[in-house]
Every structure is written in structure tokens, then in C-alpha cells.
N, C-alpha and C. Protein backbone atom coordinates (compact mmCIF):
# COMPACT_ATOMS: atom_id res chain seq x y z
N MET A 1 150.71 109.53 81.67
CA MET A 1 151.06 108.25 81.07
C MET A 1 150.13 108.01 79.90
N SER A 2 150.66 107.63 78.77
CA SER A 2 149.85 107.45 77.57
C SER A 2 149.13 106.11 77.62
N ALA A 3 148.08 106.01 76.81
CA ALA A 3 147.32 104.77 76.73
C ALA A 3 148.22 103.63 76.23
N ARG A 4 149.16 103.97 75.37
CA ARG A 4 150.08 102.96 74.84
C ARG A 4 150.92 102.36 75.98
N ASN A 5 151.44 103.22 76.87
CA ASN A 5 152.23 102.73 78.00
C ASN A 5 151.37 101.96 78.98
N LEU A 6 150.13 102.39 79.16
CA LEU A 6 149.24 101.71 80.09
C LEU A 6 148.91 100.29 79.64
N SER A 7 148.85 100.07 78.33
CA SER A 7 148.44 98.77 77.84
C SER A 7 149.41 97.67 78.25
N SER A 8 150.63 98.02 78.59
CA SER A 8 151.60 97.00 78.99
C SER A 8 151.44 96.60 80.45
N PHE A 9 150.63 97.35 81.21
CA PHE A 9 150.42 97.05 82.62
C PHE A 9 149.21 96.15 82.80
N SER A 10 149.31 95.25 83.74
CA SER A 10 148.15 94.47 84.18
C SER A 10 148.25 94.34 85.68
N SER A 11 147.13 94.05 86.32
CA SER A 11 147.15 93.95 87.79
C SER A 11 148.04 92.81 88.25
N ASN A 12 148.34 91.85 87.38
CA ASN A 12 149.18 90.74 87.79
C ASN A 12 150.67 91.04 87.67
N SER A 13 151.05 91.96 86.77
CA SER A 13 152.46 92.19 86.54
C SER A 13 152.95 93.53 87.09
N LEU A 14 152.08 94.32 87.66
CA LEU A 14 152.45 95.66 88.09
C LEU A 14 152.88 95.68 89.54
N ASP A 15 154.03 96.26 89.80
CA ASP A 15 154.50 96.44 91.17
C ASP A 15 153.62 97.50 91.83
N PRO A 16 152.90 97.17 92.90
CA PRO A 16 151.97 98.11 93.51
C PRO A 16 152.64 99.35 94.07
N ARG A 17 153.93 99.28 94.36
CA ARG A 17 154.63 100.45 94.89
C ARG A 17 154.85 101.50 93.82
N THR A 18 154.85 101.09 92.55
CA THR A 18 155.11 102.03 91.47
C THR A 18 153.96 102.11 90.48
N ARG A 19 152.81 101.56 90.81
CA ARG A 19 151.68 101.59 89.88
C ARG A 19 151.31 103.03 89.56
N PRO A 20 150.92 103.31 88.33
CA PRO A 20 150.65 104.68 87.93
C PRO A 20 149.40 105.28 88.56
N SER A 21 148.52 104.48 89.14
CA SER A 21 147.31 105.00 89.77
C SER A 21 147.52 105.34 91.24
N ARG A 22 148.66 105.00 91.77
CA ARG A 22 148.91 105.23 93.20
C ARG A 22 149.01 106.73 93.47
N ILE A 23 148.33 107.17 94.52
CA ILE A 23 148.38 108.58 94.92
C ILE A 23 149.44 108.71 96.01
N ALA A 24 150.32 109.67 95.86
CA ALA A 24 151.38 109.90 96.84
C ALA A 24 150.78 110.24 98.21
N THR A 25 151.54 109.95 99.25
CA THR A 25 151.07 110.17 100.62
C THR A 25 150.65 111.62 100.84
N LEU A 26 151.43 112.56 100.35
CA LEU A 26 151.08 113.98 100.50
C LEU A 26 149.76 114.28 99.78
N GLY A 27 149.56 113.68 98.64
CA GLY A 27 148.30 113.85 97.90
C GLY A 27 147.12 113.29 98.67
N ILE A 28 147.30 112.13 99.26
CA ILE A 28 146.23 111.53 100.07
C ILE A 28 145.90 112.42 101.26
N LEU A 29 146.94 112.95 101.91
CA LEU A 29 146.71 113.84 103.05
C LEU A 29 145.96 115.10 102.63
N ALA A 30 146.33 115.69 101.49
CA ALA A 30 145.65 116.88 101.00
C ALA A 30 144.19 116.58 100.66
N ILE A 31 143.96 115.46 100.00
CA ILE A 31 142.59 115.05 99.66
C ILE A 31 141.78 114.85 100.93
N MET A 32 142.34 114.15 101.89
CA MET A 32 141.62 113.88 103.14
C MET A 32 141.34 115.18 103.91
N LEU A 33 142.27 116.11 103.89
CA LEU A 33 142.06 117.40 104.56
C LEU A 33 140.91 118.15 103.91
N LEU A 34 140.92 118.24 102.58
CA LEU A 34 139.84 118.92 101.87
C LEU A 34 138.49 118.25 102.12
N LEU A 35 138.47 116.94 102.06
CA LEU A 35 137.21 116.22 102.30
C LEU A 35 136.77 116.34 103.74
N ALA A 36 137.71 116.39 104.68
CA ALA A 36 137.35 116.54 106.09
C ALA A 36 136.74 117.92 106.35
N VAL A 37 137.31 118.96 105.75
CA VAL A 37 136.74 120.31 105.89
C VAL A 37 135.33 120.33 105.32
N ASN A 38 135.16 119.71 104.16
CA ASN A 38 133.84 119.68 103.54
C ASN A 38 132.86 118.87 104.38
N PHE A 39 133.29 117.72 104.88
CA PHE A 39 132.41 116.87 105.68
C PHE A 39 132.01 117.58 106.98
N CYS A 40 133.00 118.12 107.69
CA CYS A 40 132.71 118.78 108.97
C CYS A 40 131.83 120.02 108.78
N SER A 41 132.10 120.80 107.75
CA SER A 41 131.25 121.97 107.51
C SER A 41 129.85 121.55 107.10
N GLY A 42 129.73 120.46 106.36
CA GLY A 42 128.41 119.94 105.97
C GLY A 42 127.61 119.46 107.17
N VAL A 43 128.26 118.74 108.06
CA VAL A 43 127.58 118.28 109.28
C VAL A 43 127.18 119.48 110.13
N ALA A 44 128.05 120.48 110.21
CA ALA A 44 127.74 121.69 110.99
C ALA A 44 126.55 122.43 110.38
N VAL A 45 126.48 122.52 109.06
CA VAL A 45 125.34 123.17 108.41
C VAL A 45 124.06 122.40 108.72
N TRP A 46 124.12 121.08 108.62
CA TRP A 46 122.95 120.25 108.92
C TRP A 46 122.50 120.49 110.35
N TRP A 47 123.43 120.48 111.29
CA TRP A 47 123.12 120.71 112.70
C TRP A 47 122.54 122.11 112.90
N GLY A 48 123.15 123.12 112.26
CA GLY A 48 122.67 124.49 112.38
C GLY A 48 121.27 124.66 111.81
N GLN A 49 121.00 124.01 110.70
CA GLN A 49 119.66 124.09 110.11
C GLN A 49 118.64 123.38 110.98
N THR A 50 119.05 122.30 111.62
CA THR A 50 118.16 121.61 112.55
C THR A 50 117.86 122.49 113.76
N MET A 51 118.90 123.12 114.30
CA MET A 51 118.71 124.05 115.42
C MET A 51 117.81 125.22 115.01
N GLN A 52 118.01 125.71 113.81
CA GLN A 52 117.22 126.82 113.29
C GLN A 52 115.74 126.44 113.21
N ALA A 53 115.45 125.23 112.74
CA ALA A 53 114.07 124.78 112.62
C ALA A 53 113.43 124.56 113.99
N GLU A 54 114.21 124.04 114.95
CA GLU A 54 113.66 123.76 116.27
C GLU A 54 113.48 125.02 117.11
N GLN A 55 114.41 125.95 117.03
CA GLN A 55 114.40 127.13 117.89
C GLN A 55 113.85 128.37 117.19
N LEU A 56 113.55 128.23 115.88
CA LEU A 56 113.07 129.35 115.08
C LEU A 56 114.00 130.56 115.17
N GLN A 57 115.28 130.25 115.28
CA GLN A 57 116.32 131.28 115.38
C GLN A 57 117.56 130.74 114.68
N THR A 58 118.22 131.59 113.90
CA THR A 58 119.40 131.17 113.15
C THR A 58 120.64 131.35 114.01
N PRO A 59 121.41 130.26 114.22
CA PRO A 59 122.68 130.40 114.95
C PRO A 59 123.61 131.37 114.20
N SER A 60 124.35 132.17 114.93
CA SER A 60 125.21 133.18 114.31
C SER A 60 126.30 132.56 113.43
N TRP A 61 126.71 131.36 113.71
CA TRP A 61 127.78 130.70 112.97
C TRP A 61 127.29 129.97 111.73
N LEU A 62 125.97 129.87 111.54
CA LEU A 62 125.45 129.07 110.43
C LEU A 62 125.81 129.67 109.07
N ARG A 63 125.63 130.96 108.89
CA ARG A 63 125.90 131.59 107.59
C ARG A 63 127.37 131.44 107.18
N PRO A 64 128.35 131.78 108.05
CA PRO A 64 129.75 131.59 107.62
C PRO A 64 130.10 130.12 107.34
N THR A 65 129.48 129.22 108.08
CA THR A 65 129.73 127.80 107.86
C THR A 65 129.15 127.36 106.52
N LEU A 66 127.98 127.86 106.21
CA LEU A 66 127.35 127.55 104.92
C LEU A 66 128.17 128.13 103.77
N VAL A 67 128.71 129.32 103.96
CA VAL A 67 129.57 129.93 102.94
C VAL A 67 130.83 129.08 102.74
N LEU A 68 131.46 128.65 103.84
CA LEU A 68 132.64 127.79 103.74
C LEU A 68 132.30 126.51 102.98
N HIS A 69 131.20 125.89 103.35
CA HIS A 69 130.79 124.64 102.70
C HIS A 69 130.53 124.88 101.21
N GLY A 70 129.87 125.97 100.88
CA GLY A 70 129.61 126.30 99.49
C GLY A 70 130.88 126.62 98.71
N CYS A 71 131.83 127.28 99.37
CA CYS A 71 133.11 127.60 98.71
C CYS A 71 133.93 126.35 98.41
N MET A 72 133.65 125.28 99.10
CA MET A 72 134.36 124.03 98.84
C MET A 72 133.88 123.36 97.55
N PHE A 73 132.73 123.80 97.01
CA PHE A 73 132.17 123.18 95.82
C PHE A 73 133.15 123.20 94.64
N PRO A 74 133.71 124.36 94.26
CA PRO A 74 134.65 124.31 93.12
C PRO A 74 135.90 123.49 93.43
N VAL A 75 136.32 123.49 94.68
CA VAL A 75 137.49 122.69 95.08
C VAL A 75 137.18 121.21 94.87
N GLN A 76 135.98 120.78 95.26
CA GLN A 76 135.59 119.38 95.08
C GLN A 76 135.50 119.02 93.60
N CYS A 77 135.00 119.96 92.79
CA CYS A 77 134.93 119.71 91.34
C CYS A 77 136.33 119.54 90.74
N ILE A 78 137.25 120.40 91.15
CA ILE A 78 138.64 120.29 90.68
C ILE A 78 139.24 118.97 91.14
N LEU A 79 139.05 118.62 92.40
CA LEU A 79 139.58 117.37 92.94
C LEU A 79 139.02 116.18 92.18
N PHE A 80 137.71 116.19 91.93
CA PHE A 80 137.09 115.10 91.19
C PHE A 80 137.68 115.01 89.79
N GLY A 81 137.91 116.14 89.14
CA GLY A 81 138.51 116.15 87.81
C GLY A 81 139.92 115.59 87.80
N ILE A 82 140.70 115.97 88.81
CA ILE A 82 142.06 115.45 88.91
C ILE A 82 142.05 113.93 89.10
N LEU A 83 141.19 113.48 90.02
CA LEU A 83 141.09 112.03 90.26
C LEU A 83 140.59 111.30 89.02
N LEU A 84 139.62 111.88 88.33
CA LEU A 84 139.08 111.25 87.13
C LEU A 84 140.13 111.17 86.03
N ALA A 85 140.90 112.22 85.86
CA ALA A 85 141.89 112.26 84.78
C ALA A 85 143.08 111.33 85.03
N HIS A 86 143.39 111.07 86.28
CA HIS A 86 144.58 110.25 86.55
C HIS A 86 144.22 108.96 87.29
N HIS A 87 143.88 109.08 88.53
CA HIS A 87 143.70 107.91 89.40
C HIS A 87 142.60 106.98 88.90
N ILE A 88 141.44 107.53 88.59
CA ILE A 88 140.30 106.70 88.18
C ILE A 88 140.56 106.10 86.80
N ARG A 89 141.08 106.90 85.88
CA ARG A 89 141.34 106.41 84.51
C ARG A 89 142.35 105.27 84.52
N VAL A 90 143.42 105.45 85.26
CA VAL A 90 144.45 104.42 85.29
C VAL A 90 143.95 103.18 86.05
N GLY A 91 143.25 103.41 87.16
CA GLY A 91 142.69 102.27 87.91
C GLY A 91 141.72 101.46 87.07
N TRP A 92 140.95 102.13 86.23
CA TRP A 92 140.02 101.44 85.34
C TRP A 92 140.77 100.57 84.34
N ARG A 93 141.84 101.12 83.79
CA ARG A 93 142.65 100.36 82.83
C ARG A 93 143.32 99.15 83.49
N LEU A 94 143.71 99.31 84.75
CA LEU A 94 144.36 98.22 85.47
C LEU A 94 143.35 97.20 85.98
N ARG A 95 142.07 97.55 85.98
CA ARG A 95 141.01 96.71 86.53
C ARG A 95 141.25 96.44 88.01
N ALA A 96 141.76 97.46 88.70
CA ALA A 96 142.08 97.34 90.11
C ALA A 96 141.02 98.05 90.94
N ASN A 97 140.48 97.36 91.92
CA ASN A 97 139.62 97.99 92.92
C ASN A 97 138.39 98.63 92.28
N LEU A 98 137.81 97.99 91.29
CA LEU A 98 136.73 98.59 90.50
C LEU A 98 135.44 98.82 91.28
N LEU A 99 135.01 97.85 92.06
CA LEU A 99 133.72 97.98 92.75
C LEU A 99 133.73 99.12 93.75
N SER A 100 134.73 99.14 94.62
CA SER A 100 134.77 100.23 95.60
C SER A 100 135.11 101.56 94.93
N GLY A 101 135.90 101.53 93.87
CA GLY A 101 136.22 102.75 93.14
C GLY A 101 134.98 103.33 92.46
N PHE A 102 134.18 102.46 91.84
CA PHE A 102 132.97 102.93 91.18
C PHE A 102 131.99 103.49 92.21
N ALA A 103 131.84 102.80 93.33
CA ALA A 103 130.93 103.29 94.38
C ALA A 103 131.37 104.65 94.90
N THR A 104 132.67 104.81 95.15
CA THR A 104 133.20 106.09 95.63
C THR A 104 133.00 107.17 94.58
N GLU A 105 133.27 106.86 93.33
CA GLU A 105 133.10 107.82 92.23
C GLU A 105 131.63 108.23 92.11
N PHE A 106 130.73 107.28 92.21
CA PHE A 106 129.29 107.56 92.12
C PHE A 106 128.85 108.49 93.25
N ILE A 107 129.30 108.22 94.46
CA ILE A 107 128.94 109.05 95.61
C ILE A 107 129.52 110.45 95.45
N PHE A 108 130.78 110.54 95.06
CA PHE A 108 131.44 111.82 94.87
C PHE A 108 130.71 112.65 93.80
N ALA A 109 130.42 112.03 92.66
CA ALA A 109 129.70 112.73 91.59
C ALA A 109 128.30 113.13 92.06
N GLY A 110 127.65 112.26 92.81
CA GLY A 110 126.33 112.57 93.34
C GLY A 110 126.35 113.76 94.28
N LEU A 111 127.40 113.86 95.09
CA LEU A 111 127.54 115.02 95.97
C LEU A 111 127.71 116.31 95.17
N ILE A 112 128.50 116.26 94.11
CA ILE A 112 128.69 117.43 93.27
C ILE A 112 127.37 117.84 92.61
N LEU A 113 126.65 116.87 92.06
CA LEU A 113 125.39 117.17 91.38
C LEU A 113 124.32 117.66 92.34
N THR A 114 124.20 117.02 93.51
CA THR A 114 123.20 117.47 94.46
C THR A 114 123.59 118.81 95.07
N GLY A 115 124.90 119.05 95.23
CA GLY A 115 125.36 120.35 95.72
C GLY A 115 124.96 121.46 94.77
N ALA A 116 125.14 121.23 93.48
CA ALA A 116 124.70 122.21 92.48
C ALA A 116 123.18 122.33 92.50
N GLY A 117 122.52 121.21 92.65
CA GLY A 117 121.06 121.21 92.70
C GLY A 117 120.49 122.02 93.84
N LEU A 118 121.19 122.07 94.95
CA LEU A 118 120.71 122.84 96.10
C LEU A 118 120.60 124.33 95.77
N TYR A 119 121.41 124.80 94.85
CA TYR A 119 121.36 126.21 94.46
C TYR A 119 120.36 126.48 93.34
N TYR A 120 120.02 125.45 92.56
CA TYR A 120 119.23 125.69 91.36
C TYR A 120 117.85 125.04 91.35
N VAL A 121 117.57 124.14 92.29
CA VAL A 121 116.25 123.51 92.34
C VAL A 121 115.32 124.48 93.04
N GLY A 122 114.26 124.88 92.35
CA GLY A 122 113.35 125.87 92.91
C GLY A 122 112.16 125.28 93.64
N ALA A 123 111.60 124.20 93.13
CA ALA A 123 110.40 123.62 93.73
C ALA A 123 110.72 123.03 95.10
N GLU A 124 109.94 123.41 96.10
CA GLU A 124 110.21 123.01 97.49
C GLU A 124 110.21 121.49 97.68
N GLU A 125 109.27 120.78 97.03
CA GLU A 125 109.24 119.32 97.20
C GLU A 125 110.49 118.67 96.62
N TRP A 126 111.05 119.21 95.54
CA TRP A 126 112.29 118.68 94.99
C TRP A 126 113.49 119.08 95.83
N ARG A 127 113.46 120.29 96.35
CA ARG A 127 114.58 120.78 97.17
C ARG A 127 114.78 119.88 98.39
N ASP A 128 113.70 119.51 99.05
CA ASP A 128 113.82 118.63 100.22
C ASP A 128 114.45 117.29 99.84
N ARG A 129 114.07 116.76 98.70
CA ARG A 129 114.66 115.48 98.24
C ARG A 129 116.14 115.64 97.94
N VAL A 130 116.50 116.75 97.32
CA VAL A 130 117.91 117.00 96.99
C VAL A 130 118.72 117.18 98.27
N VAL A 131 118.16 117.89 99.25
CA VAL A 131 118.85 118.09 100.53
C VAL A 131 119.12 116.74 101.19
N TRP A 132 118.13 115.88 101.24
CA TRP A 132 118.31 114.58 101.90
C TRP A 132 119.24 113.67 101.11
N ALA A 133 119.18 113.73 99.78
CA ALA A 133 120.12 112.95 98.97
C ALA A 133 121.55 113.43 99.22
N HIS A 134 121.74 114.75 99.30
CA HIS A 134 123.07 115.32 99.54
C HIS A 134 123.58 114.90 100.92
N ARG A 135 122.73 114.94 101.91
CA ARG A 135 123.13 114.53 103.26
C ARG A 135 123.50 113.06 103.31
N LEU A 136 122.68 112.23 102.70
CA LEU A 136 122.95 110.78 102.69
C LEU A 136 124.27 110.49 101.98
N LEU A 137 124.47 111.08 100.81
CA LEU A 137 125.72 110.87 100.09
C LEU A 137 126.91 111.39 100.89
N GLY A 138 126.73 112.53 101.57
CA GLY A 138 127.80 113.08 102.40
C GLY A 138 128.19 112.16 103.53
N LEU A 139 127.19 111.48 104.11
CA LEU A 139 127.49 110.51 105.18
C LEU A 139 128.14 109.24 104.63
N LEU A 140 127.80 108.88 103.40
CA LEU A 140 128.35 107.66 102.79
C LEU A 140 129.78 107.83 102.28
N LEU A 141 130.16 109.05 101.89
CA LEU A 141 131.48 109.23 101.28
C LEU A 141 132.64 108.79 102.17
N PRO A 142 132.70 109.16 103.46
CA PRO A 142 133.83 108.69 104.28
C PRO A 142 133.89 107.16 104.37
N LEU A 143 132.73 106.53 104.46
CA LEU A 143 132.69 105.07 104.51
C LEU A 143 133.20 104.48 103.19
N ALA A 144 132.73 105.02 102.07
CA ALA A 144 133.15 104.53 100.76
C ALA A 144 134.65 104.72 100.57
N LEU A 145 135.17 105.86 100.99
CA LEU A 145 136.62 106.11 100.87
C LEU A 145 137.42 105.14 101.73
N ALA A 146 136.96 104.91 102.94
CA ALA A 146 137.67 103.98 103.83
C ALA A 146 137.70 102.58 103.21
N VAL A 147 136.57 102.13 102.69
CA VAL A 147 136.52 100.82 102.05
C VAL A 147 137.42 100.79 100.82
N HIS A 148 137.39 101.86 100.02
CA HIS A 148 138.21 101.91 98.80
C HIS A 148 139.70 101.88 99.15
N ILE A 149 140.10 102.63 100.15
CA ILE A 149 141.51 102.64 100.55
C ILE A 149 141.92 101.27 101.10
N ALA A 150 141.08 100.68 101.95
CA ALA A 150 141.40 99.35 102.50
C ALA A 150 141.50 98.30 101.40
N MET A 151 140.58 98.34 100.45
CA MET A 151 140.63 97.37 99.35
C MET A 151 141.84 97.64 98.45
N GLY A 152 142.20 98.91 98.28
CA GLY A 152 143.39 99.25 97.50
C GLY A 152 144.66 98.72 98.15
N LEU A 153 144.74 98.85 99.47
CA LEU A 153 145.90 98.32 100.20
C LEU A 153 145.96 96.80 100.07
N ARG A 154 144.79 96.17 100.16
CA ARG A 154 144.73 94.70 100.02
C ARG A 154 145.15 94.29 98.61
N TRP A 155 144.65 95.01 97.60
CA TRP A 155 145.03 94.72 96.22
C TRP A 155 146.54 94.90 96.05
N GLY A 156 147.10 95.96 96.64
CA GLY A 156 148.54 96.22 96.55
C GLY A 156 149.36 95.10 97.16
N LYS A 157 148.93 94.59 98.32
CA LYS A 157 149.64 93.49 98.97
C LYS A 157 149.58 92.23 98.12
N GLN A 158 148.41 91.96 97.56
CA GLN A 158 148.27 90.76 96.71
C GLN A 158 149.14 90.88 95.46
N ALA A 159 149.13 92.07 94.85
CA ALA A 159 149.95 92.27 93.66
C ALA A 159 151.43 92.19 93.99
N ALA A 160 151.83 92.71 95.16
CA ALA A 160 153.24 92.66 95.57
C ALA A 160 153.68 91.23 95.80
N SER A 161 152.81 90.41 96.36
CA SER A 161 153.19 89.01 96.60
C SER A 161 153.34 88.25 95.28
N GLN A 162 152.62 88.66 94.24
CA GLN A 162 152.74 88.02 92.94
C GLN A 162 153.99 88.49 92.20
N VAL A 163 154.40 89.75 92.47
CA VAL A 163 155.59 90.30 91.82
C VAL A 163 156.85 89.76 92.50
N GLY A 164 156.82 89.81 93.83
CA GLY A 164 158.04 89.45 94.57
C GLY A 164 158.00 88.08 95.00
């Protein structure tokens, strides 16, 4: 959708069922599946590393889980780019759900940056900080997404009541 076409939309006059920022149900399911794989593998890596530190032995499943989690990095970058190019851009123009959208975007971007940092930060004192920032952001993302989706549904209902 071009910027020219977007300028005619406002949160007060847009039918929420056809708004250009709406993600189709199949898209939401795909996004949630990808994020769930990333979240579960991240929690498993955290647990495995904790077990490794406590028992001074590496669980046999830790390496493949870490590889899976790392392989999700380019997928997350692509997903973030798709959301930024369409959903976030259009939502920004509509001024819909900005606070929760910005918080979710910030957390998502932070996860991408800290994920890259885990591979490239060499100093041990910085690496520990990056690990904990990545873990904290990873725990916050599902909460931020849930709030963003709930607020989006609320915004949609309010906009629908103004249209209809």
C-alpha cells in the first residue's frame, strides 16, 4: 500500500476488519509458531547451561538445542523485517496501538542485537551482561506480544463500533 493511499486512513474511519496493518490468522499462527520454537529452545539452552554449570557436565541435548536456537536468528531477522515493512509501518501511520507496538518492537530488536552480540562480544564481563539482557528480553517478548495483541483487539473493537 502506498503512502498516498495510507494518508486517507485514520484510526477513526478505518474498518478494523480490513485495516492494512492487520495480520491474517495464518500469518499470526506462523509468527507464533516461529516465536514459540525460539522461546522454547532459548529456555532449554538457559536450563542446559545452568545444569552444565551446576554439574560440570554438558547435557547431550544442549549443543543441538543451541544450534536450533542459533539457526532461528536469521528467521527472526527476516520476520522482524517483514513486520517492520508492513505491519509496523502501517500501524505507525494509523497511530494504532503505538505504546504496546513500540515496546514489542524494542524488545524484538533488542533480542536480535543481543543475539548477534552473543557471538561477537569477546570480553567476559560484557558477555555476561549480554547473556542476561538476552534472557530478560526473551522472557519479556511473550508478555509484550500478548499485551500488544490484546490492545490491538481492543482497538479493533473500538474502531468497529465507530464505523458501524
